[in-house]
Amino acid sequence: MPVAPVLLQVIRPLGFIGSQALLFGQPVLTLFADAQSLDELAALLDDPDALNQIERRLTDAGHPPA
């Protein structure tokens, strides 16, 4: 079983909290990543539809059509 879809299921309930934590910690986190990437990641974590789309793509990539 692929690990990435499982991890998405684990972080899905914490998406909003994770996005807010990224925004709150952004001044410190910009030492490790650029602000635009952090904003994009926060927006992704806050959008359940985007997480669903990523999960579908990962699942489809793991099971190529016959």
PDB file of N, CA and C in Angstrom:
ATOM      1  N   MET A   1       0.848  -1.184   0.000  1.00  0.00           N
ATOM      2  CA  MET A   1       0.000   0.000   0.000  1.00  0.00           C
ATOM      3  C   MET A   1       0.887   1.239   0.000  1.00  0.00           C
ATOM      4  N   PRO A   2       0.620   2.199  -0.893  1.00  0.00           N
ATOM      5  CA  PRO A   2       1.424   3.420  -0.941  1.00  0.00           C
ATOM      6  C   PRO A   2       1.280   4.242   0.349  1.00  0.00           C
ATOM      7  N   VAL A   3       2.344   4.869   0.739  1.00  0.00           N
ATOM      8  CA  VAL A   3       2.381   5.612   1.993  1.00  0.00           C
ATOM      9  C   VAL A   3       1.720   6.995   1.865  1.00  0.00           C
ATOM     10  N   ALA A   4       1.904   7.672   0.740  1.00  0.00           N
ATOM     11  CA  ALA A   4       1.409   9.043   0.596  1.00  0.00           C
ATOM     12  C   ALA A   4      -0.104   9.163   0.791  1.00  0.00           C
ATOM     13  N   PRO A   5      -0.940   8.306   0.172  1.00  0.00           N
ATOM     14  CA  PRO A   5      -2.382   8.433   0.425  1.00  0.00           C
ATOM     15  C   PRO A   5      -2.746   8.207   1.895  1.00  0.00           C
ATOM     16  N   VAL A   6      -2.028   7.315   2.546  1.00  0.00           N
ATOM     17  CA  VAL A   6      -2.285   7.075   3.969  1.00  0.00           C
ATOM     18  C   VAL A   6      -1.936   8.325   4.779  1.00  0.00           C
ATOM     19  N   LEU A   7      -0.818   8.944   4.460  1.00  0.00           N
ATOM     20  CA  LEU A   7      -0.438  10.174   5.173  1.00  0.00           C
ATOM     21  C   LEU A   7      -1.451  11.282   4.942  1.00  0.00           C
ATOM     22  N   LEU A   8      -1.998  11.365   3.736  1.00  0.00           N
ATOM     23  CA  LEU A   8      -3.029  12.363   3.469  1.00  0.00           C
ATOM     24  C   LEU A   8      -4.253  12.129   4.343  1.00  0.00           C
ATOM     25  N   GLN A   9      -4.617  10.874   4.544  1.00  0.00           N
ATOM     26  CA  GLN A   9      -5.749  10.563   5.414  1.00  0.00           C
ATOM     27  C   GLN A   9      -5.464  10.968   6.861  1.00  0.00           C
ATOM     28  N   VAL A  10      -4.221  10.852   7.264  1.00  0.00           N
ATOM     29  CA  VAL A  10      -3.839  11.203   8.631  1.00  0.00           C
ATOM     30  C   VAL A  10      -3.859  12.714   8.835  1.00  0.00           C
ATOM     31  N   ILE A  11      -3.346  13.479   7.856  1.00  0.00           N
ATOM     32  CA  ILE A  11      -3.263  14.935   8.048  1.00  0.00           C
ATOM     33  C   ILE A  11      -4.552  15.660   7.703  1.00  0.00           C
ATOM     34  N   ARG A  12      -5.486  14.993   7.009  1.00  0.00           N
ATOM     35  CA  ARG A  12      -6.727  15.659   6.587  1.00  0.00           C
ATOM     36  C   ARG A  12      -7.463  16.330   7.756  1.00  0.00           C
ATOM     37  N   PRO A  13      -7.693  15.650   8.884  1.00  0.00           N
ATOM     38  CA  PRO A  13      -8.410  16.316   9.979  1.00  0.00           C
ATOM     39  C   PRO A  13      -7.617  17.472  10.598  1.00  0.00           C
ATOM     40  N   LEU A  14      -6.320  17.463  10.425  1.00  0.00           N
ATOM     41  CA  LEU A  14      -5.481  18.502  11.006  1.00  0.00           C
ATOM     42  C   LEU A  14      -5.104  19.587  10.003  1.00  0.00           C
ATOM     43  N   GLY A  15      -5.711  19.546   8.813  1.00  0.00           N
ATOM     44  CA  GLY A  15      -5.353  20.480   7.747  1.00  0.00           C
ATOM     45  C   GLY A  15      -5.506  21.932   8.140  1.00  0.00           C
ATOM     46  N   PHE A  16      -6.648  22.284   8.717  1.00  0.00           N
ATOM     47  CA  PHE A  16      -6.885  23.674   9.095  1.00  0.00           C
ATOM     48  C   PHE A  16      -5.909  24.119  10.172  1.00  0.00           C
ATOM     49  N   ILE A  17      -5.706  23.275  11.161  1.00  0.00           N
ATOM     50  CA  ILE A  17      -4.782  23.611  12.254  1.00  0.00           C
ATOM     51  C   ILE A  17      -3.359  23.741  11.709  1.00  0.00           C
ATOM     52  N   GLY A  18      -2.979  22.836  10.808  1.00  0.00           N
ATOM     53  CA  GLY A  18      -1.648  22.892  10.204  1.00  0.00           C
ATOM     54  C   GLY A  18      -1.451  24.147   9.375  1.00  0.00           C
ATOM     55  N   SER A  19      -2.489  24.545   8.633  1.00  0.00           N
ATOM     56  CA  SER A  19      -2.365  25.763   7.816  1.00  0.00           C
ATOM     57  C   SER A  19      -2.209  26.989   8.698  1.00  0.00           C
ATOM     58  N   GLN A  20      -2.956  27.033   9.779  1.00  0.00           N
ATOM     59  CA  GLN A  20      -2.853  28.168  10.684  1.00  0.00           C
ATOM     60  C   GLN A  20      -1.500  28.197  11.398  1.00  0.00           C
ATOM     61  N   ALA A  21      -0.985  27.022  11.740  1.00  0.00           N
ATOM     62  CA  ALA A  21       0.337  26.946  12.374  1.00  0.00           C
ATOM     63  C   ALA A  21       1.422  27.432  11.416  1.00  0.00           C
ATOM     64  N   LEU A  22       1.292  27.075  10.124  1.00  0.00           N
ATOM     65  CA  LEU A  22       2.257  27.559   9.137  1.00  0.00           C
ATOM     66  C   LEU A  22       2.218  29.074   9.025  1.00  0.00           C
ATOM     67  N   LEU A  23       1.020  29.621   8.990  1.00  0.00           N
ATOM     68  CA  LEU A  23       0.897  31.082   8.882  1.00  0.00           C
ATOM     69  C   LEU A  23       1.429  31.772  10.130  1.00  0.00           C
ATOM     70  N   PHE A  24       1.150  31.193  11.294  1.00  0.00           N
ATOM     71  CA  PHE A  24       1.625  31.767  12.545  1.00  0.00           C
ATOM     72  C   PHE A  24       3.153  31.703  12.640  1.00  0.00           C
ATOM     73  N   GLY A  25       3.726  30.586  12.202  1.00  0.00           N
ATOM     74  CA  GLY A  25       5.175  30.406  12.303  1.00  0.00           C
ATOM     75  C   GLY A  25       5.941  30.884  11.090  1.00  0.00           C
ATOM     76  N   GLN A  26       5.258  31.511  10.149  1.00  0.00           N
ATOM     77  CA  GLN A  26       5.899  31.910   8.899  1.00  0.00           C
ATOM     78  C   GLN A  26       7.140  32.783   9.097  1.00  0.00           C
ATOM     79  N   PRO A  27       7.136  33.745  10.018  1.00  0.00           N
ATOM     80  CA  PRO A  27       8.355  34.553  10.171  1.00  0.00           C
ATOM     81  C   PRO A  27       9.603  33.722  10.488  1.00  0.00           C
ATOM     82  N   VAL A  28       9.448  32.682  11.269  1.00  0.00           N
ATOM     83  CA  VAL A  28      10.585  31.828  11.609  1.00  0.00           C
ATOM     84  C   VAL A  28      10.855  30.829  10.486  1.00  0.00           C
ATOM     85  N   LEU A  29       9.784  30.291   9.906  1.00  0.00           N
ATOM     86  CA  LEU A  29       9.927  29.264   8.874  1.00  0.00           C
ATOM     87  C   LEU A  29      10.541  29.798   7.585  1.00  0.00           C
ATOM     88  N   THR A  30      10.489  31.111   7.374  1.00  0.00           N
ATOM     89  CA  THR A  30      11.101  31.668   6.162  1.00  0.00           C
ATOM     90  C   THR A  30      12.625  31.551   6.188  1.00  0.00           C
ATOM     91  N   LEU A  31      13.181  31.152   7.313  1.00  0.00           N
ATOM     92  CA  LEU A  31      14.610  30.859   7.359  1.00  0.00           C
ATOM     93  C   LEU A  31      14.919  29.575   6.594  1.00  0.00           C
ATOM     94  N   PHE A  32      13.914  28.695   6.463  1.00  0.00           N
ATOM     95  CA  PHE A  32      14.099  27.395   5.830  1.00  0.00           C
ATOM     96  C   PHE A  32      13.423  27.277   4.468  1.00  0.00           C
ATOM     97  N   ALA A  33      12.399  28.087   4.219  1.00  0.00           N
ATOM     98  CA  ALA A  33      11.655  28.030   2.954  1.00  0.00           C
ATOM     99  C   ALA A  33      11.176  29.438   2.614  1.00  0.00           C
ATOM    100  N   ASP A  34      10.914  29.674   1.322  1.00  0.00           N
ATOM    101  CA  ASP A  34      10.453  31.008   0.941  1.00  0.00           C
ATOM    102  C   ASP A  34       8.979  31.188   1.324  1.00  0.00           C
ATOM    103  N   ALA A  35       8.583  32.434   1.525  1.00  0.00           N
ATOM    104  CA  ALA A  35       7.245  32.770   2.008  1.00  0.00           C
ATOM    105  C   ALA A  35       6.161  32.298   1.045  1.00  0.00           C
ATOM    106  N   GLN A  36       6.401  32.380  -0.243  1.00  0.00           N
ATOM    107  CA  GLN A  36       5.396  31.978  -1.216  1.00  0.00           C
ATOM    108  C   GLN A  36       5.101  30.474  -1.103  1.00  0.00           C
ATOM    109  N   SER A  37       6.127  29.665  -0.934  1.00  0.00           N
ATOM    110  CA  SER A  37       5.928  28.217  -0.772  1.00  0.00           C
ATOM    111  C   SER A  37       5.140  27.911   0.496  1.00  0.00           C
ATOM    112  N   LEU A  38       5.429  28.635   1.564  1.00  0.00           N
ATOM    113  CA  LEU A  38       4.696  28.431   2.812  1.00  0.00           C
ATOM    114  C   LEU A  38       3.234  28.828   2.655  1.00  0.00           C
ATOM    115  N   ASP A  39       2.967  29.933   1.957  1.00  0.00           N
ATOM    116  CA  ASP A  39       1.591  30.354   1.699  1.00  0.00           C
ATOM    117  C   ASP A  39       0.847  29.319   0.878  1.00  0.00           C
ATOM    118  N   GLU A  40       1.508  28.779  -0.145  1.00  0.00           N
ATOM    119  CA  GLU A  40       0.877  27.766  -0.995  1.00  0.00           C
ATOM    120  C   GLU A  40       0.584  26.495  -0.210  1.00  0.00           C
ATOM    121  N   LEU A  41       1.508  26.079   0.634  1.00  0.00           N
ATOM    122  CA  LEU A  41       1.295  24.886   1.447  1.00  0.00           C
ATOM    123  C   LEU A  41       0.158  25.110   2.436  1.00  0.00           C
ATOM    124  N   ALA A  42       0.101  26.285   3.056  1.00  0.00           N
ATOM    125  CA  ALA A  42      -0.987  26.593   3.993  1.00  0.00           C
ATOM    126  C   ALA A  42      -2.331  26.573   3.271  1.00  0.00           C
ATOM    127  N   ALA A  43      -2.388  27.138   2.071  1.00  0.00           N
ATOM    128  CA  ALA A  43      -3.636  27.134   1.300  1.00  0.00           C
ATOM    129  C   ALA A  43      -4.027  25.711   0.926  1.00  0.00           C
ATOM    130  N   LEU A  44      -3.062  24.890   0.579  1.00  0.00           N
ATOM    131  CA  LEU A  44      -3.336  23.500   0.228  1.00  0.00           C
ATOM    132  C   LEU A  44      -3.901  22.733   1.420  1.00  0.00           C
ATOM    133  N   LEU A  45      -3.283  22.896   2.578  1.00  0.00           N
ATOM    134  CA  LEU A  45      -3.749  22.190   3.770  1.00  0.00           C
ATOM    135  C   LEU A  45      -5.142  22.628   4.184  1.00  0.00           C
ATOM    136  N   ASP A  46      -5.501  23.873   3.863  1.00  0.00           N
ATOM    137  CA  ASP A  46      -6.789  24.429   4.259  1.00  0.00           C
ATOM    138  C   ASP A  46      -7.901  24.090   3.269  1.00  0.00           C
ATOM    139  N   ASP A  47      -7.574  23.470   2.143  1.00  0.00           N
ATOM    140  CA  ASP A  47      -8.546  23.187   1.090  1.00  0.00           C
ATOM    141  C   ASP A  47      -8.793  21.680   0.970  1.00  0.00           C
ATOM    142  N   PRO A  48      -9.918  21.188   1.519  1.00  0.00           N
ATOM    143  CA  PRO A  48     -10.192  19.747   1.461  1.00  0.00           C
ATOM    144  C   PRO A  48     -10.324  19.229   0.029  1.00  0.00           C
ATOM    145  N   ASP A  49     -10.842  20.040  -0.882  1.00  0.00           N
ATOM    146  CA  ASP A  49     -10.973  19.595  -2.277  1.00  0.00           C
ATOM    147  C   ASP A  49      -9.609  19.357  -2.908  1.00  0.00           C
ATOM    148  N   ALA A  50      -8.650  20.214  -2.590  1.00  0.00           N
ATOM    149  CA  ALA A  50      -7.296  20.041  -3.118  1.00  0.00           C
ATOM    150  C   ALA A  50      -6.666  18.763  -2.569  1.00  0.00           C
ATOM    151  N   LEU A  51      -6.884  18.487  -1.295  1.00  0.00           N
ATOM    152  CA  LEU A  51      -6.354  17.256  -0.702  1.00  0.00           C
ATOM    153  C   LEU A  51      -7.001  16.027  -1.345  1.00  0.00           C
ATOM    154  N   ASN A  52      -8.305  16.112  -1.636  1.00  0.00           N
ATOM    155  CA  ASN A  52      -8.991  15.004  -2.319  1.00  0.00           C
ATOM    156  C   ASN A  52      -8.404  14.778  -3.707  1.00  0.00           C
ATOM    157  N   GLN A  53      -8.133  15.865  -4.415  1.00  0.00           N
ATOM    158  CA  GLN A  53      -7.579  15.754  -5.765  1.00  0.00           C
ATOM    159  C   GLN A  53      -6.184  15.124  -5.728  1.00  0.00           C
ATOM    160  N   ILE A  54      -5.363  15.540  -4.784  1.00  0.00           N
ATOM    161  CA  ILE A  54      -4.017  14.969  -4.654  1.00  0.00           C
ATOM    162  C   ILE A  54      -4.116  13.479  -4.334  1.00  0.00           C
ATOM    163  N   GLU A  55      -5.030  13.127  -3.434  1.00  0.00           N
ATOM    164  CA  GLU A  55      -5.190  11.717  -3.075  1.00  0.00           C
ATOM    165  C   GLU A  55      -5.628  10.898  -4.287  1.00  0.00           C
ATOM    166  N   ARG A  56      -6.561  11.413  -5.084  1.00  0.00           N
ATOM    167  CA  ARG A  56      -6.995  10.696  -6.287  1.00  0.00           C
ATOM    168  C   ARG A  56      -5.845  10.514  -7.264  1.00  0.00           C
ATOM    169  N   ARG A  57      -5.040  11.559  -7.469  1.00  0.00           N
ATOM    170  CA  ARG A  57      -3.911  11.450  -8.396  1.00  0.00           C
ATOM    171  C   ARG A  57      -2.885  10.448  -7.903  1.00  0.00           C
ATOM    172  N   LEU A  58      -2.607  10.441  -6.620  1.00  0.00           N
ATOM    173  CA  LEU A  58      -1.645   9.479  -6.083  1.00  0.00           C
ATOM    174  C   LEU A  58      -2.171   8.054  -6.187  1.00  0.00           C
ATOM    175  N   THR A  59      -3.443   7.888  -5.927  1.00  0.00           N
ATOM    176  CA  THR A  59      -4.045   6.562  -6.021  1.00  0.00           C
ATOM    177  C   THR A  59      -4.056   6.076  -7.469  1.00  0.00           C
ATOM    178  N   ASP A  60      -4.397   6.974  -8.396  1.00  0.00           N
ATOM    179  CA  ASP A  60      -4.395   6.613  -9.811  1.00  0.00           C
ATOM    180  C   ASP A  60      -2.994   6.306 -10.302  1.00  0.00           C
ATOM    181  N   ALA A  61      -2.004   7.028  -9.815  1.00  0.00           N
ATOM    182  CA  ALA A  61      -0.613   6.798 -10.230  1.00  0.00           C
ATOM    183  C   ALA A  61      -0.104   5.450  -9.720  1.00  0.00           C
ATOM    184  N   GLY A  62      -0.625   5.012  -8.598  1.00  0.00           N
ATOM    185  CA  GLY A  62      -0.197   3.734  -8.042  1.00  0.00           C
ATOM    186  C   GLY A  62      -0.853   2.545  -8.696  1.00  0.00           C
ATOM    187  N   HIS A  63      -1.934   2.786  -9.426  1.00  0.00           N
ATOM    188  CA  HIS A  63      -2.657   1.712 -10.094  1.00  0.00           C
ATOM    189  C   HIS A  63      -2.899   2.087 -11.549  1.00  0.00           C
ATOM    190  N   PRO A  64      -1.888   1.887 -12.411  1.00  0.00           N
ATOM    191  CA  PRO A  64      -2.055   2.240 -13.811  1.00  0.00           C
ATOM    192  C   PRO A  64      -3.151   1.410 -14.468  1.00  0.00           C
ATOM    193  N   PRO A  65      -3.825   1.986 -15.484  1.00  0.00           N
ATOM    194  CA  PRO A  65      -4.897   1.242 -16.142  1.00  0.00           C
ATOM    195  C   PRO A  65      -4.378  -0.039 -16.809  1.00  0.00           C
ATOM    196  N   ALA A  66      -5.211  -1.050 -16.836  1.00  0.00           N
ATOM    197  CA  ALA A  66      -4.820  -2.353 -17.401  1.00  0.00           C
ATOM    198  C   ALA A  66      -4.845  -2.343 -18.907  1.00  0.00           C
TER     199      ALA A  66
END
